[in-house]
Amino acid sequence: MHGPNLRILDLHGLTWAEAEASFIEFYNQTVRQAGKDAVRLDVVHGYGSTGTGGVLSIRLRGFLGRNESRLDFQTGEKVDGNPGHTIVVPLKPLPSLREQLFQDIWDFCDRPRSQSKIIGKFRRHGETEVLSTIKTLEKQKRLRPSNQGAHKLYQAV
């Protein structure tokens, strides 16, 4: 299974937010460097202290499933019986975390949402980043602000 076209990324000890950012950066860097060469990523995430799947394993595989148009993947269980890793075959670059945040906030505002609801939903990105994204989407006229009493609401346009 090892070889020159297999690159390993170890996510042990990271939070999901750190692991997601590391994975996207490693994945996109690999896509840029590999060009037309076939390459595979062996993403080591562990299998959790219970042995039934840890946070990193579950969230990574969910993330991969939501991005199947950009990559192929196989669980370690299917490849070699080891649930502590996942094999990923990059096909196209992934959007950056910032690009994903823009899209996620825009999607979330399919109906009017208060600024505090938006911040709460995307708190893992940090309040400053979320507020900056709201402001940018408003300038781009992708979010329309309105007032409801003392609350400012935002809705996707």
C-alpha atoms as a PDB file:
ATOM      1  CA  MET A   1       0.000   0.000   0.000  1.00  0.00           C
ATOM      2  CA  HIS A   2       2.925   2.364   0.549  1.00  0.00           C
ATOM      3  CA  GLY A   3       4.751   3.929  -2.345  1.00  0.00           C
ATOM      4  CA  PRO A   4       5.786   7.190  -3.959  1.00  0.00           C
ATOM      5  CA  ASN A   5       2.192   8.086  -4.813  1.00  0.00           C
ATOM      6  CA  LEU A   6       0.917   7.621  -1.245  1.00  0.00           C
ATOM      7  CA  ARG A   7       1.157  10.627   1.048  1.00  0.00           C
ATOM      8  CA  ILE A   8       0.427  10.328   4.758  1.00  0.00           C
ATOM      9  CA  LEU A   9      -1.311  12.910   6.946  1.00  0.00           C
ATOM     10  CA  ASP A  10      -1.537  12.155  10.683  1.00  0.00           C
ATOM     11  CA  LEU A  11      -4.335  14.002  12.477  1.00  0.00           C
ATOM     12  CA  HIS A  12      -3.805  12.464  15.937  1.00  0.00           C
ATOM     13  CA  GLY A  13      -4.092  14.936  18.784  1.00  0.00           C
ATOM     14  CA  LEU A  14      -5.885  17.644  16.792  1.00  0.00           C
ATOM     15  CA  THR A  15      -9.327  19.072  17.419  1.00  0.00           C
ATOM     16  CA  TRP A  16     -11.784  18.676  14.544  1.00  0.00           C
ATOM     17  CA  ALA A  17     -11.373  22.346  13.579  1.00  0.00           C
ATOM     18  CA  GLU A  18      -7.576  21.934  13.433  1.00  0.00           C
ATOM     19  CA  ALA A  19      -7.850  18.598  11.626  1.00  0.00           C
ATOM     20  CA  GLU A  20     -10.267  19.973   9.014  1.00  0.00           C
ATOM     21  CA  ALA A  21      -7.993  22.939   8.270  1.00  0.00           C
ATOM     22  CA  SER A  22      -4.917  20.664   8.104  1.00  0.00           C
ATOM     23  CA  PHE A  23      -6.664  18.193   5.835  1.00  0.00           C
ATOM     24  CA  ILE A  24      -7.903  20.849   3.385  1.00  0.00           C
ATOM     25  CA  GLU A  25      -4.464  22.484   3.203  1.00  0.00           C
ATOM     26  CA  PHE A  26      -2.659  19.126   2.759  1.00  0.00           C
ATOM     27  CA  TYR A  27      -5.227  17.920   0.207  1.00  0.00           C
ATOM     28  CA  ASN A  28      -5.113  21.093  -1.915  1.00  0.00           C
ATOM     29  CA  GLN A  29      -1.308  21.245  -1.753  1.00  0.00           C
ATOM     30  CA  THR A  30      -1.191  17.614  -2.933  1.00  0.00           C
ATOM     31  CA  VAL A  31      -3.586  18.362  -5.820  1.00  0.00           C
ATOM     32  CA  ARG A  32      -1.397  21.301  -6.929  1.00  0.00           C
ATOM     33  CA  GLN A  33       1.856  19.326  -6.700  1.00  0.00           C
ATOM     34  CA  ALA A  34       0.570  16.094  -8.238  1.00  0.00           C
ATOM     35  CA  GLY A  35      -0.866  17.646 -11.383  1.00  0.00           C
ATOM     36  CA  LYS A  36      -2.006  14.759 -13.594  1.00  0.00           C
ATOM     37  CA  ASP A  37      -0.170  12.092 -11.538  1.00  0.00           C
ATOM     38  CA  ALA A  38      -2.366   9.657  -9.644  1.00  0.00           C
ATOM     39  CA  VAL A  39      -1.851  10.112  -5.937  1.00  0.00           C
ATOM     40  CA  ARG A  40      -3.512   8.789  -2.796  1.00  0.00           C
ATOM     41  CA  LEU A  41      -3.646  10.194   0.706  1.00  0.00           C
ATOM     42  CA  ASP A  42      -3.517   7.977   3.762  1.00  0.00           C
ATOM     43  CA  VAL A  43      -5.263  10.069   6.413  1.00  0.00           C
ATOM     44  CA  VAL A  44      -4.518   8.676   9.867  1.00  0.00           C
ATOM     45  CA  HIS A  45      -7.193   9.727  12.362  1.00  0.00           C
ATOM     46  CA  GLY A  46      -7.282   6.894  14.868  1.00  0.00           C
ATOM     47  CA  TYR A  47     -10.358   4.920  15.778  1.00  0.00           C
ATOM     48  CA  GLY A  48     -11.296   6.568  19.080  1.00  0.00           C
ATOM     49  CA  SER A  49     -10.713   5.417  22.629  1.00  0.00           C
ATOM     50  CA  THR A  50     -13.909   3.337  22.587  1.00  0.00           C
ATOM     51  CA  GLY A  51     -12.874   1.531  19.419  1.00  0.00           C
ATOM     52  CA  THR A  52     -16.220   2.387  17.822  1.00  0.00           C
ATOM     53  CA  GLY A  53     -15.093   5.499  15.979  1.00  0.00           C
ATOM     54  CA  GLY A  54     -13.708   8.722  17.341  1.00  0.00           C
ATOM     55  CA  VAL A  55     -14.669  12.316  16.611  1.00  0.00           C
ATOM     56  CA  LEU A  56     -11.988  12.750  13.948  1.00  0.00           C
ATOM     57  CA  SER A  57     -12.923   9.544  12.149  1.00  0.00           C
ATOM     58  CA  ILE A  58     -16.645  10.300  12.122  1.00  0.00           C
ATOM     59  CA  ARG A  59     -16.315  13.952  11.149  1.00  0.00           C
ATOM     60  CA  LEU A  60     -13.627  13.366   8.511  1.00  0.00           C
ATOM     61  CA  ARG A  61     -15.657  10.671   6.819  1.00  0.00           C
ATOM     62  CA  GLY A  62     -18.773  12.854   6.934  1.00  0.00           C
ATOM     63  CA  PHE A  63     -16.766  15.710   5.383  1.00  0.00           C
ATOM     64  CA  LEU A  64     -15.437  13.380   2.676  1.00  0.00           C
ATOM     65  CA  GLY A  65     -18.960  12.134   1.948  1.00  0.00           C
ATOM     66  CA  ARG A  66     -20.172  15.720   1.457  1.00  0.00           C
ATOM     67  CA  ASN A  67     -17.336  16.306  -1.033  1.00  0.00           C
ATOM     68  CA  GLU A  68     -17.641  13.152  -3.151  1.00  0.00           C
ATOM     69  CA  SER A  69     -17.750  15.200  -6.349  1.00  0.00           C
ATOM     70  CA  ARG A  70     -14.172  16.319  -5.598  1.00  0.00           C
ATOM     71  CA  LEU A  71     -12.630  13.077  -4.302  1.00  0.00           C
ATOM     72  CA  ASP A  72     -12.927   9.333  -3.847  1.00  0.00           C
ATOM     73  CA  PHE A  73     -12.303   7.610  -0.551  1.00  0.00           C
ATOM     74  CA  GLN A  74     -12.281   4.200   1.086  1.00  0.00           C
ATOM     75  CA  THR A  75     -12.388   3.468   4.785  1.00  0.00           C
ATOM     76  CA  GLY A  76      -9.454   1.626   6.282  1.00  0.00           C
ATOM     77  CA  GLU A  77     -11.829  -1.175   7.276  1.00  0.00           C
ATOM     78  CA  LYS A  78     -12.437  -1.918   3.587  1.00  0.00           C
ATOM     79  CA  VAL A  79      -8.797  -1.498   2.539  1.00  0.00           C
ATOM     80  CA  ASP A  80      -6.943  -3.456   5.215  1.00  0.00           C
ATOM     81  CA  GLY A  81      -9.267  -3.910   8.183  1.00  0.00           C
ATOM     82  CA  ASN A  82      -7.804  -0.923  10.083  1.00  0.00           C
ATOM     83  CA  PRO A  83     -10.501   1.580  11.143  1.00  0.00           C
ATOM     84  CA  GLY A  84      -7.882   4.136  12.183  1.00  0.00           C
ATOM     85  CA  HIS A  85      -7.270   5.565   8.720  1.00  0.00           C
ATOM     86  CA  THR A  86      -9.000   6.500   5.493  1.00  0.00           C
ATOM     87  CA  ILE A  87      -7.572   6.427   1.961  1.00  0.00           C
ATOM     88  CA  VAL A  88      -8.455   9.479  -0.140  1.00  0.00           C
ATOM     89  CA  VAL A  89      -7.959   9.923  -3.887  1.00  0.00           C
ATOM     90  CA  PRO A  90      -8.012  13.650  -4.773  1.00  0.00           C
ATOM     91  CA  LEU A  91      -9.836  14.582  -7.972  1.00  0.00           C
ATOM     92  CA  LYS A  92     -10.384  18.360  -7.694  1.00  0.00           C
ATOM     93  CA  PRO A  93      -9.342  21.025  -5.167  1.00  0.00           C
ATOM     94  CA  LEU A  94     -11.523  21.580  -2.104  1.00  0.00           C
ATOM     95  CA  PRO A  95     -12.890  25.007  -1.180  1.00  0.00           C
ATOM     96  CA  SER A  96     -10.969  26.743   1.601  1.00  0.00           C
ATOM     97  CA  LEU A  97     -12.520  27.013   5.051  1.00  0.00           C
ATOM     98  CA  ARG A  98     -13.259  30.678   4.329  1.00  0.00           C
ATOM     99  CA  GLU A  99     -15.039  29.811   1.059  1.00  0.00           C
ATOM    100  CA  GLN A 100     -17.010  27.133   2.893  1.00  0.00           C
ATOM    101  CA  LEU A 101     -17.979  29.606   5.622  1.00  0.00           C
ATOM    102  CA  PHE A 102     -19.305  32.044   3.002  1.00  0.00           C
ATOM    103  CA  GLN A 103     -21.427  29.304   1.447  1.00  0.00           C
ATOM    104  CA  ASP A 104     -22.593  27.883   4.781  1.00  0.00           C
ATOM    105  CA  ILE A 105     -23.725  31.266   6.122  1.00  0.00           C
ATOM    106  CA  TRP A 106     -25.478  32.068   2.855  1.00  0.00           C
ATOM    107  CA  ASP A 107     -27.247  28.670   2.924  1.00  0.00           C
ATOM    108  CA  PHE A 108     -28.170  29.109   6.617  1.00  0.00           C
ATOM    109  CA  CYS A 109     -29.827  32.436   5.839  1.00  0.00           C
ATOM    110  CA  ASP A 110     -32.383  30.839   3.518  1.00  0.00           C
ATOM    111  CA  ARG A 111     -34.842  32.504   5.911  1.00  0.00           C
ATOM    112  CA  PRO A 112     -34.228  35.609   8.020  1.00  0.00           C
ATOM    113  CA  ARG A 113     -31.657  34.975  10.771  1.00  0.00           C
ATOM    114  CA  SER A 114     -30.393  37.286  13.490  1.00  0.00           C
ATOM    115  CA  GLN A 115     -26.725  38.098  13.738  1.00  0.00           C
ATOM    116  CA  SER A 116     -26.560  36.287  17.095  1.00  0.00           C
ATOM    117  CA  LYS A 117     -28.093  33.125  15.556  1.00  0.00           C
ATOM    118  CA  ILE A 118     -25.542  33.205  12.740  1.00  0.00           C
ATOM    119  CA  ILE A 119     -22.654  33.731  15.172  1.00  0.00           C
ATOM    120  CA  GLY A 120     -23.948  30.922  17.381  1.00  0.00           C
ATOM    121  CA  LYS A 121     -24.304  28.491  14.494  1.00  0.00           C
ATOM    122  CA  PHE A 122     -20.776  29.148  13.192  1.00  0.00           C
ATOM    123  CA  ARG A 123     -19.026  29.908  16.515  1.00  0.00           C
ATOM    124  CA  ARG A 124     -16.200  27.462  15.854  1.00  0.00           C
ATOM    125  CA  HIS A 125     -14.915  29.906  13.212  1.00  0.00           C
ATOM    126  CA  GLY A 126     -14.725  32.710  15.773  1.00  0.00           C
ATOM    127  CA  GLU A 127     -17.004  35.709  16.143  1.00  0.00           C
ATOM    128  CA  THR A 128     -14.665  38.080  14.288  1.00  0.00           C
ATOM    129  CA  GLU A 129     -14.470  35.796  11.238  1.00  0.00           C
ATOM    130  CA  VAL A 130     -18.248  35.273  11.168  1.00  0.00           C
ATOM    131  CA  LEU A 131     -18.972  39.016  11.462  1.00  0.00           C
ATOM    132  CA  SER A 132     -16.451  39.752   8.709  1.00  0.00           C
ATOM    133  CA  THR A 133     -18.109  37.163   6.473  1.00  0.00           C
ATOM    134  CA  ILE A 134     -21.589  38.608   7.142  1.00  0.00           C
ATOM    135  CA  LYS A 135     -20.315  42.086   6.295  1.00  0.00           C
ATOM    136  CA  THR A 136     -18.700  40.860   3.056  1.00  0.00           C
ATOM    137  CA  LEU A 137     -21.835  38.958   1.998  1.00  0.00           C
ATOM    138  CA  GLU A 138     -23.883  42.088   2.702  1.00  0.00           C
ATOM    139  CA  LYS A 139     -21.517  44.225   0.560  1.00  0.00           C
ATOM    140  CA  GLN A 140     -21.763  41.636  -2.221  1.00  0.00           C
ATOM    141  CA  LYS A 141     -25.547  41.930  -1.939  1.00  0.00           C
ATOM    142  CA  ARG A 142     -25.815  38.206  -1.234  1.00  0.00           C
ATOM    143  CA  LEU A 143     -27.335  38.898   2.208  1.00  0.00           C
ATOM    144  CA  ARG A 144     -30.111  41.428   2.629  1.00  0.00           C
ATOM    145  CA  PRO A 145     -30.387  43.037   6.085  1.00  0.00           C
ATOM    146  CA  SER A 146     -33.721  43.962   7.621  1.00  0.00           C
ATOM    147  CA  ASN A 147     -34.854  45.092  11.051  1.00  0.00           C
ATOM    148  CA  GLN A 148     -37.300  43.289  13.280  1.00  0.00           C
ATOM    149  CA  GLY A 149     -37.699  45.349  16.407  1.00  0.00           C
ATOM    150  CA  ALA A 150     -34.263  45.731  17.981  1.00  0.00           C
ATOM    151  CA  HIS A 151     -32.809  42.863  15.944  1.00  0.00           C
ATOM    152  CA  LYS A 152     -31.067  43.060  12.608  1.00  0.00           C
ATOM    153  CA  LEU A 153     -31.911  40.052  10.442  1.00  0.00           C
ATOM    154  CA  TYR A 154     -30.123  38.729   7.377  1.00  0.00           C
ATOM    155  CA  GLN A 155     -31.619  36.763   4.520  1.00  0.00           C
ATOM    156  CA  ALA A 156     -29.921  35.262   1.482  1.00  0.00           C
ATOM    157  CA  VAL A 157     -30.712  36.957  -1.807  1.00  0.00           C
END
